[in-house]
């Protein structure tokens, strides 16, 4: 008799008579950092044995996990959320449930799940997560959409919902960084909700291609930063002046965007890609009654009620399953080739940039 059937028979008899609990012998391939610094220097590929599941734990075989700028900043020690070292990289991801602890309800083996809380360590092929950081999603939800759901689409959703009633009143939205992953989500949500929107992008050799791409995605107008300074679309009433501005760039870009806002408009800042501060003219406060707000998805998650989170995720997932909200332009990279993904996240290439996603399918 072959060795494997003998071993299986022996193990089954031991389990049947309660003589021994079989060893799990499960190992996880992980990207771990033990100090803060540049990711290529501090992130190491390791194999770690997986301990026995706790009563509220869930064992997940990961399918895909993106590399986001916030992930890089966390490893560098520059992000407001601090982690205990050593730590596994990654804040987002999707996987299939392999096993659940005895007290876990609502999650079953075979379910497709996403990680909905940050700093859980998604850059691993097999991981143990507490049940409360997971959310079951439909099997038909695409892996890329699922893996990138909890950050950019949720950020876009909240900024379009929580500051100005653009959905109910038909008000106009303007944003810079329109080609970013969050910017793409904003544009698609605006199209799905019937909101006119203007996307501002930096000029580049492939600007015509980028404009066409974003307009097909749902942008009413796409302008370069230089074109925004000279545009007559608002003055000539081709489109109303925006009531809501979304800013992820800062510096001169944010200044030009806020100048287009109508009276009592609001600007929401959620990033600072230029690394230059947001400068606000005094007249904007006094004579235009503009208001300025910051937004951070992590802070919202900490305060939001469970039903609010559930409603938001449900609506976003429905839009994704209806093909009205697609994942960002992306490149999948084999898990073992993670260094390539990190390098390209640090120095994005191409007319739009690409979200790099770790692919665990061959692990």
Protein backbone atom coordinates (compact mmCIF):
# COMPACT_ATOMS: atom_id res chain seq x y z
CA UNK A 1 0.00 0.00 0.00
CA UNK A 2 1.28 3.46 -0.86
CA UNK A 3 2.60 5.66 1.93
CA UNK A 4 -0.02 8.39 1.55
CA UNK A 5 -3.09 6.09 1.96
CA UNK A 6 -1.44 4.44 4.97
CA UNK A 7 -0.83 7.80 6.56
CA UNK A 8 -4.42 8.90 5.87
CA UNK A 9 -5.81 5.65 7.35
CA UNK A 10 -3.61 6.05 10.44
CA UNK A 11 -4.63 9.67 10.90
CA UNK A 12 -8.34 8.92 10.44
CA UNK A 13 -8.22 6.17 13.07
CA UNK A 14 -6.47 8.48 15.51
CA UNK A 15 -9.11 11.15 14.97
CA UNK A 16 -11.92 8.60 15.26
CA UNK A 17 -10.77 7.28 18.62
CA UNK A 18 -9.60 10.63 19.97
CA UNK A 19 -6.03 9.47 20.52
CA UNK A 20 -4.35 12.37 18.77
CA UNK A 21 -5.12 15.66 17.04
CA UNK A 22 -3.32 15.66 13.69
CA UNK A 23 -0.65 18.26 13.09
CA UNK A 24 -1.63 21.10 10.76
CA UNK A 25 1.79 21.50 9.11
CA UNK A 26 0.60 24.64 7.37
CA UNK A 27 3.06 27.34 6.41
CA UNK A 28 2.46 30.85 5.16
CA UNK A 29 4.62 32.73 2.68
CA UNK A 30 4.76 36.33 3.86
CA UNK A 31 6.36 39.70 3.15
CA UNK A 32 7.60 40.84 6.55
CA UNK A 33 9.48 43.92 7.74
CA UNK A 34 11.18 44.15 11.14
CA UNK A 35 12.21 47.80 10.92
CA UNK A 36 10.96 50.92 9.20
CA UNK A 37 12.75 52.03 6.06
CA UNK A 38 12.70 51.83 2.29
CA UNK A 39 10.60 48.79 1.32
CA UNK A 40 13.21 47.25 -0.97
CA UNK A 41 15.65 47.27 1.93
CA UNK A 42 13.48 46.12 4.82
CA UNK A 43 10.79 43.85 3.33
CA UNK A 44 11.83 40.18 3.43
CA UNK A 45 10.21 37.04 2.02
CA UNK A 46 9.62 34.51 4.82
CA UNK A 47 7.84 31.22 5.44
CA UNK A 48 6.12 30.96 8.81
CA UNK A 49 4.21 28.09 10.40
CA UNK A 50 0.53 28.88 10.97
CA UNK A 51 -0.65 28.28 14.55
CA UNK A 52 -3.89 26.58 15.48
CA UNK A 53 -6.98 28.70 14.89
CA UNK A 54 -8.53 30.53 17.80
CA UNK A 55 -12.31 30.33 18.33
CA UNK A 56 -12.94 33.59 16.40
CA UNK A 57 -10.22 33.18 13.78
CA UNK A 58 -10.60 32.53 10.07
CA UNK A 59 -7.97 30.91 7.86
CA UNK A 60 -7.92 32.58 4.43
CA UNK A 61 -6.06 31.55 1.29
CA UNK A 62 -5.33 34.87 -0.39
CA UNK A 63 -6.07 35.40 -4.05
CA UNK A 64 -4.82 38.94 -4.62
CA UNK A 65 -3.60 41.98 -2.70
CA UNK A 66 -2.67 45.42 -4.07
CA UNK A 67 0.34 47.54 -3.24
CA UNK A 68 -0.92 51.02 -2.37
CA UNK A 69 1.06 54.20 -1.65
CA UNK A 70 -0.21 54.01 1.94
CA UNK A 71 1.35 50.54 2.23
CA UNK A 72 4.69 52.00 1.19
CA UNK A 73 4.35 54.91 3.63
CA UNK A 74 3.50 52.50 6.45
CA UNK A 75 6.66 50.47 5.83
CA UNK A 76 8.66 53.70 5.71
CA UNK A 77 7.22 54.66 9.10
CA UNK A 78 5.69 57.82 7.63
CA UNK A 79 2.01 56.89 7.84
CA UNK A 80 -0.12 58.02 10.82
CA UNK A 81 -1.09 54.40 11.58
CA UNK A 82 1.81 52.83 13.44
CA UNK A 83 2.34 49.09 13.55
CA UNK A 84 4.05 46.71 15.91
CA UNK A 85 7.21 45.20 14.48
CA UNK A 86 7.77 42.74 12.96
CA UNK A 87 4.75 43.22 10.72
CA UNK A 88 3.33 41.80 7.49
CA UNK A 89 2.76 44.35 4.74
CA UNK A 90 -0.53 45.10 3.02
CA UNK A 91 -3.88 46.65 3.96
CA UNK A 92 -6.25 45.27 1.31
CA UNK A 93 -6.89 41.90 -0.24
CA UNK A 94 -9.29 39.16 -1.22
CA UNK A 95 -9.19 35.45 -0.51
CA UNK A 96 -11.11 32.22 -0.01
CA UNK A 97 -11.95 30.90 3.45
CA UNK A 98 -10.23 27.59 4.20
CA UNK A 99 -11.26 27.05 7.81
CA UNK A 100 -13.08 28.83 10.64
CA UNK A 101 -12.82 28.82 14.42
CA UNK A 102 -15.51 27.23 16.54
CA UNK A 103 -17.23 30.53 17.43
CA UNK A 104 -17.27 32.04 13.94
CA UNK A 105 -20.73 32.64 12.49
CA UNK A 106 -21.69 34.10 9.12
CA UNK A 107 -18.44 33.04 7.47
CA UNK A 108 -17.96 29.53 6.07
CA UNK A 109 -15.25 27.60 4.24
CA UNK A 110 -15.43 28.41 0.54
CA UNK A 111 -16.67 31.98 1.07
CA UNK A 112 -14.94 34.77 -0.80
CA UNK A 113 -13.89 37.47 1.67
CA UNK A 114 -12.17 40.84 1.68
CA UNK A 115 -10.17 42.47 4.46
CA UNK A 116 -11.96 45.64 5.58
CA UNK A 117 -9.67 46.95 8.34
CA UNK A 118 -6.15 48.29 7.76
CA UNK A 119 -2.82 46.90 8.94
CA UNK A 120 -3.95 43.27 8.94
CA UNK A 121 -1.10 42.02 6.75
CA UNK A 122 -2.51 40.91 3.40
CA UNK A 123 0.82 40.29 1.65
CA UNK A 124 0.80 36.55 2.38
CA UNK A 125 -0.59 33.55 0.57
CA UNK A 126 -2.23 32.04 3.66
CA UNK A 127 -3.23 33.95 6.75
CA UNK A 128 -5.24 33.90 9.94
CA UNK A 129 -7.59 36.86 10.47
CA UNK A 130 -10.09 37.74 13.18
CA UNK A 131 -13.64 37.33 11.89
CA UNK A 132 -14.42 41.03 12.49
CA UNK A 133 -11.91 42.25 9.89
CA UNK A 134 -13.47 40.19 7.10
CA UNK A 135 -16.51 40.78 4.90
CA UNK A 136 -18.09 38.11 2.71
CA UNK A 137 -18.51 39.16 -0.94
CA UNK A 138 -20.29 37.47 -3.85
CA UNK A 139 -18.37 34.80 -5.74
CA UNK A 140 -18.99 36.67 -9.00
CA UNK A 141 -17.24 39.81 -7.78
CA UNK A 142 -13.98 40.11 -9.72
CA UNK A 143 -10.76 39.50 -7.82
CA UNK A 144 -9.30 42.89 -8.76
CA UNK A 145 -12.47 44.75 -7.76
CA UNK A 146 -12.66 42.82 -4.49
CA UNK A 147 -8.96 43.23 -3.67
CA UNK A 148 -9.09 47.01 -4.16
CA UNK A 149 -12.57 47.68 -2.74
CA UNK A 150 -11.96 48.78 0.82
CA UNK A 151 -9.76 51.85 0.21
CA UNK A 152 -10.28 53.87 -2.97
CA UNK A 153 -13.92 53.10 -3.87
CA UNK A 154 -14.95 53.60 -0.25
CA UNK A 155 -13.01 56.87 -0.05
CA UNK A 156 -14.65 58.08 -3.26
CA UNK A 157 -18.09 57.05 -2.00
CA UNK A 158 -17.76 58.88 1.30
CA UNK A 159 -16.37 62.09 -0.20
CA UNK A 160 -19.24 62.22 -2.68
CA UNK A 161 -21.78 61.52 0.08
CA UNK A 162 -20.72 63.20 3.31
CA UNK A 163 -19.93 66.83 2.43
CA UNK A 164 -22.23 68.17 -0.32
CA UNK A 165 -25.53 66.56 -1.44
CA UNK A 166 -24.35 66.11 -5.03
CA UNK A 167 -26.36 62.94 -5.54
CA UNK A 168 -29.68 64.51 -4.66
CA UNK A 169 -29.31 67.99 -6.14
CA UNK A 170 -27.41 67.53 -9.39
CA UNK A 171 -24.48 69.67 -8.28
CA UNK A 172 -21.14 69.54 -10.11
CA UNK A 173 -17.94 67.91 -8.82
CA UNK A 174 -14.38 68.85 -9.76
CA UNK A 175 -11.29 66.84 -8.83
CA UNK A 176 -7.57 66.86 -9.45
CA UNK A 177 -5.60 63.63 -9.71
CA UNK A 178 -8.43 62.37 -11.91
CA UNK A 179 -6.29 59.53 -13.23
CA UNK A 180 -5.48 58.16 -9.77
CA UNK A 181 -7.17 54.99 -8.50
CA UNK A 182 -9.46 57.05 -6.26
CA UNK A 183 -10.04 59.55 -9.06
CA UNK A 184 -11.17 56.74 -11.36
CA UNK A 185 -13.60 55.55 -8.69
CA UNK A 186 -14.97 59.10 -8.25
CA UNK A 187 -15.55 59.42 -11.99
CA UNK A 188 -17.34 56.08 -12.26
CA UNK A 189 -19.57 56.81 -9.26
CA UNK A 190 -20.46 60.19 -10.71
CA UNK A 191 -21.49 58.51 -13.95
CA UNK A 192 -23.52 55.85 -12.12
CA UNK A 193 -25.28 58.54 -10.06
CA UNK A 194 -25.77 61.01 -12.93
CA UNK A 195 -23.39 63.66 -11.54
CA UNK A 196 -21.57 66.03 -13.91
CA UNK A 197 -17.87 66.07 -13.10
CA UNK A 198 -14.62 67.67 -14.21
CA UNK A 199 -11.31 65.81 -13.93
CA UNK A 200 -8.01 67.67 -13.80
CA UNK A 201 -4.80 65.85 -14.75
CA UNK A 202 -1.18 66.76 -15.39
CA UNK A 203 -0.13 67.21 -19.00
CA UNK A 204 1.83 64.35 -20.59
CA UNK A 205 2.71 63.03 -24.06
CA UNK A 206 -0.30 60.66 -24.07
CA UNK A 207 -2.78 63.32 -22.91
CA UNK A 208 -5.28 62.65 -25.73
CA UNK A 209 -5.35 58.95 -24.83
CA UNK A 210 -5.80 59.74 -21.15
CA UNK A 211 -8.62 62.19 -21.81
CA UNK A 212 -10.45 59.67 -23.97
CA UNK A 213 -10.04 56.98 -21.30
CA UNK A 214 -11.43 59.16 -18.49
CA UNK A 215 -14.29 60.47 -20.63
CA UNK A 216 -15.30 56.91 -21.50
CA UNK A 217 -15.19 56.20 -17.78
CA UNK A 218 -17.67 59.00 -17.11
CA UNK A 219 -15.87 62.36 -16.89
CA UNK A 220 -17.93 65.22 -18.32
CA UNK A 221 -14.76 67.24 -19.01
CA UNK A 222 -11.08 66.38 -18.68
CA UNK A 223 -8.64 69.31 -18.49
CA UNK A 224 -4.93 69.60 -17.87
CA UNK A 225 -3.80 71.87 -15.05
CA UNK A 226 -2.72 74.44 -17.65
CA UNK A 227 -6.07 74.25 -19.44
CA UNK A 228 -7.93 74.76 -16.17
CA UNK A 229 -6.29 78.17 -15.72
CA UNK A 230 -7.64 79.34 -19.09
CA UNK A 231 -10.90 77.44 -19.42
CA UNK A 232 -14.15 79.22 -20.23
CA UNK A 233 -16.49 76.26 -19.63
CA UNK A 234 -17.72 77.73 -16.33
CA UNK A 235 -17.84 81.36 -17.47
CA UNK A 236 -19.74 80.42 -20.63
CA UNK A 237 -22.22 78.26 -18.67
CA UNK A 238 -21.25 75.08 -20.51
CA UNK A 239 -21.37 73.51 -17.07
CA UNK A 240 -22.23 74.97 -13.66
CA UNK A 241 -19.43 75.92 -11.33
CA UNK A 242 -18.65 73.02 -8.98
CA UNK A 243 -20.03 72.83 -5.46
CA UNK A 244 -17.58 70.11 -4.38
CA UNK A 245 -13.85 69.88 -5.08
CA UNK A 246 -11.80 66.79 -4.28
CA UNK A 247 -8.09 67.41 -3.85
CA UNK A 248 -5.31 64.82 -3.67
CA UNK A 249 -2.49 66.97 -5.07
CA UNK A 250 -2.19 70.21 -3.10
CA UNK A 251 0.01 73.14 -4.10
CA UNK A 252 -0.83 75.12 -7.24
CA UNK A 253 -3.19 72.43 -8.47
CA UNK A 254 -5.48 72.74 -5.46
CA UNK A 255 -5.34 76.56 -5.71
CA UNK A 256 -6.54 76.51 -9.33
CA UNK A 257 -9.29 74.02 -8.48
CA UNK A 258 -10.69 76.01 -5.54
CA UNK A 259 -10.85 79.14 -7.73
CA UNK A 260 -13.50 77.39 -9.82
CA UNK A 261 -15.83 76.66 -6.89
CA UNK A 262 -19.13 78.43 -6.66
CA UNK A 263 -20.13 80.47 -3.61
CA UNK A 264 -20.26 78.35 -0.41
CA UNK A 265 -18.54 75.45 -2.16
CA UNK A 266 -16.43 72.91 -0.30
CA UNK A 267 -13.01 71.44 -0.93
CA UNK A 268 -12.13 68.03 0.55
CA UNK A 269 -8.44 67.15 0.69
CA UNK A 270 -7.51 63.48 0.96
CA UNK A 271 -3.94 63.44 -0.33
CA UNK A 272 -0.92 65.58 -1.14
CA UNK A 273 0.89 64.04 -4.09
CA UNK A 274 2.76 67.25 -4.91
CA UNK A 275 4.01 67.45 -1.31
CA UNK A 276 3.20 71.17 -1.44
CA UNK A 277 0.77 72.67 1.09
CA UNK A 278 -2.79 73.70 0.31
CA UNK A 279 -2.83 77.50 0.10
CA UNK A 280 -6.17 79.24 0.57
CA UNK A 281 -6.67 82.91 -0.41
CA UNK A 282 -8.25 84.98 2.34
CA UNK A 283 -10.88 86.23 -0.12
CA UNK A 284 -12.10 82.67 -0.59
CA UNK A 285 -13.05 82.56 3.07
CA UNK A 286 -14.53 86.05 3.29
CA UNK A 287 -16.25 86.71 -0.02
CA UNK A 288 -16.98 83.24 -1.39
CA UNK A 289 -17.65 81.53 1.96
CA UNK A 290 -15.68 78.47 0.88
CA UNK A 291 -14.98 75.76 3.43
CA UNK A 292 -12.15 73.27 3.54
CA UNK A 293 -12.10 69.77 4.98
CA UNK A 294 -9.73 66.84 5.31
CA UNK A 295 -10.74 63.23 4.77
CA UNK A 296 -9.09 60.00 5.91
CA UNK A 297 -10.87 56.67 5.35
CA UNK A 298 -9.21 55.06 8.38
CA UNK A 299 -10.65 57.69 10.72
CA UNK A 300 -14.13 57.26 9.23
CA UNK A 301 -13.95 53.48 9.72
CA UNK A 302 -13.10 53.92 13.38
CA UNK A 303 -16.22 56.00 14.08
CA UNK A 304 -18.78 54.67 11.62
CA UNK A 305 -21.63 52.44 12.69
CA UNK A 306 -21.66 48.85 11.37
CA UNK A 307 -24.87 49.47 9.43
CA UNK A 308 -23.26 52.45 7.65
CA UNK A 309 -20.32 50.31 6.56
CA UNK A 310 -22.59 47.49 5.45
CA UNK A 311 -24.80 49.81 3.39
CA UNK A 312 -21.81 51.40 1.66
CA UNK A 313 -20.15 48.08 0.82
CA UNK A 314 -23.43 46.64 -0.40
CA UNK A 315 -24.00 49.53 -2.81
CA UNK A 316 -20.43 49.48 -4.11
CA UNK A 317 -20.47 45.71 -4.61
CA UNK A 318 -23.78 45.96 -6.49
CA UNK A 319 -22.30 48.57 -8.82
CA UNK A 320 -19.26 46.36 -9.39
CA UNK A 321 -21.36 43.29 -10.13
CA UNK A 322 -23.39 45.41 -12.58
CA UNK A 323 -20.11 46.42 -14.27
CA UNK A 324 -20.74 50.09 -13.45
CA UNK A 325 -17.71 50.33 -11.17
CA UNK A 326 -14.54 48.63 -12.34
CA UNK A 327 -11.23 48.16 -10.60
CA UNK A 328 -8.36 50.49 -11.51
CA UNK A 329 -6.06 49.86 -14.44
CA UNK A 330 -3.73 47.25 -12.98
CA UNK A 331 -0.82 44.88 -13.45
CA UNK A 332 -0.72 41.52 -11.71
CA UNK A 333 2.66 40.37 -10.43
CA UNK A 334 3.56 36.93 -9.12
CA UNK A 335 3.98 36.95 -5.35
CA UNK A 336 7.63 35.92 -5.58
CA UNK A 337 8.31 38.91 -7.84
CA UNK A 338 7.05 41.41 -5.28
CA UNK A 339 10.13 43.63 -5.65
CA UNK A 340 9.03 44.54 -9.18
CA UNK A 341 5.63 45.63 -7.87
CA UNK A 342 7.19 47.74 -5.12
CA UNK A 343 9.58 49.46 -7.53
CA UNK A 344 6.79 50.33 -9.94
CA UNK A 345 4.52 51.59 -7.16
CA UNK A 346 7.30 53.92 -6.05
CA UNK A 347 7.87 55.12 -9.64
CA UNK A 348 4.62 54.74 -11.61
CA UNK A 349 4.87 54.44 -15.38
CA UNK A 350 2.48 54.79 -18.31
CA UNK A 351 -0.11 57.35 -19.35
CA UNK A 352 -2.42 56.42 -16.47
CA UNK A 353 -0.24 54.60 -14.02
CA UNK A 354 -1.06 51.08 -12.94
CA UNK A 355 -2.11 49.56 -9.66
CA UNK A 356 0.26 46.68 -8.93
CA UNK A 357 -1.45 43.65 -7.48
CA UNK A 358 0.22 40.64 -5.91
CA UNK A 359 -1.11 37.43 -7.43
CA UNK A 360 -1.09 34.39 -5.12
CA UNK A 361 -2.56 31.91 -7.59
CA UNK A 362 0.70 29.98 -8.02
CA UNK A 363 1.57 29.81 -4.32
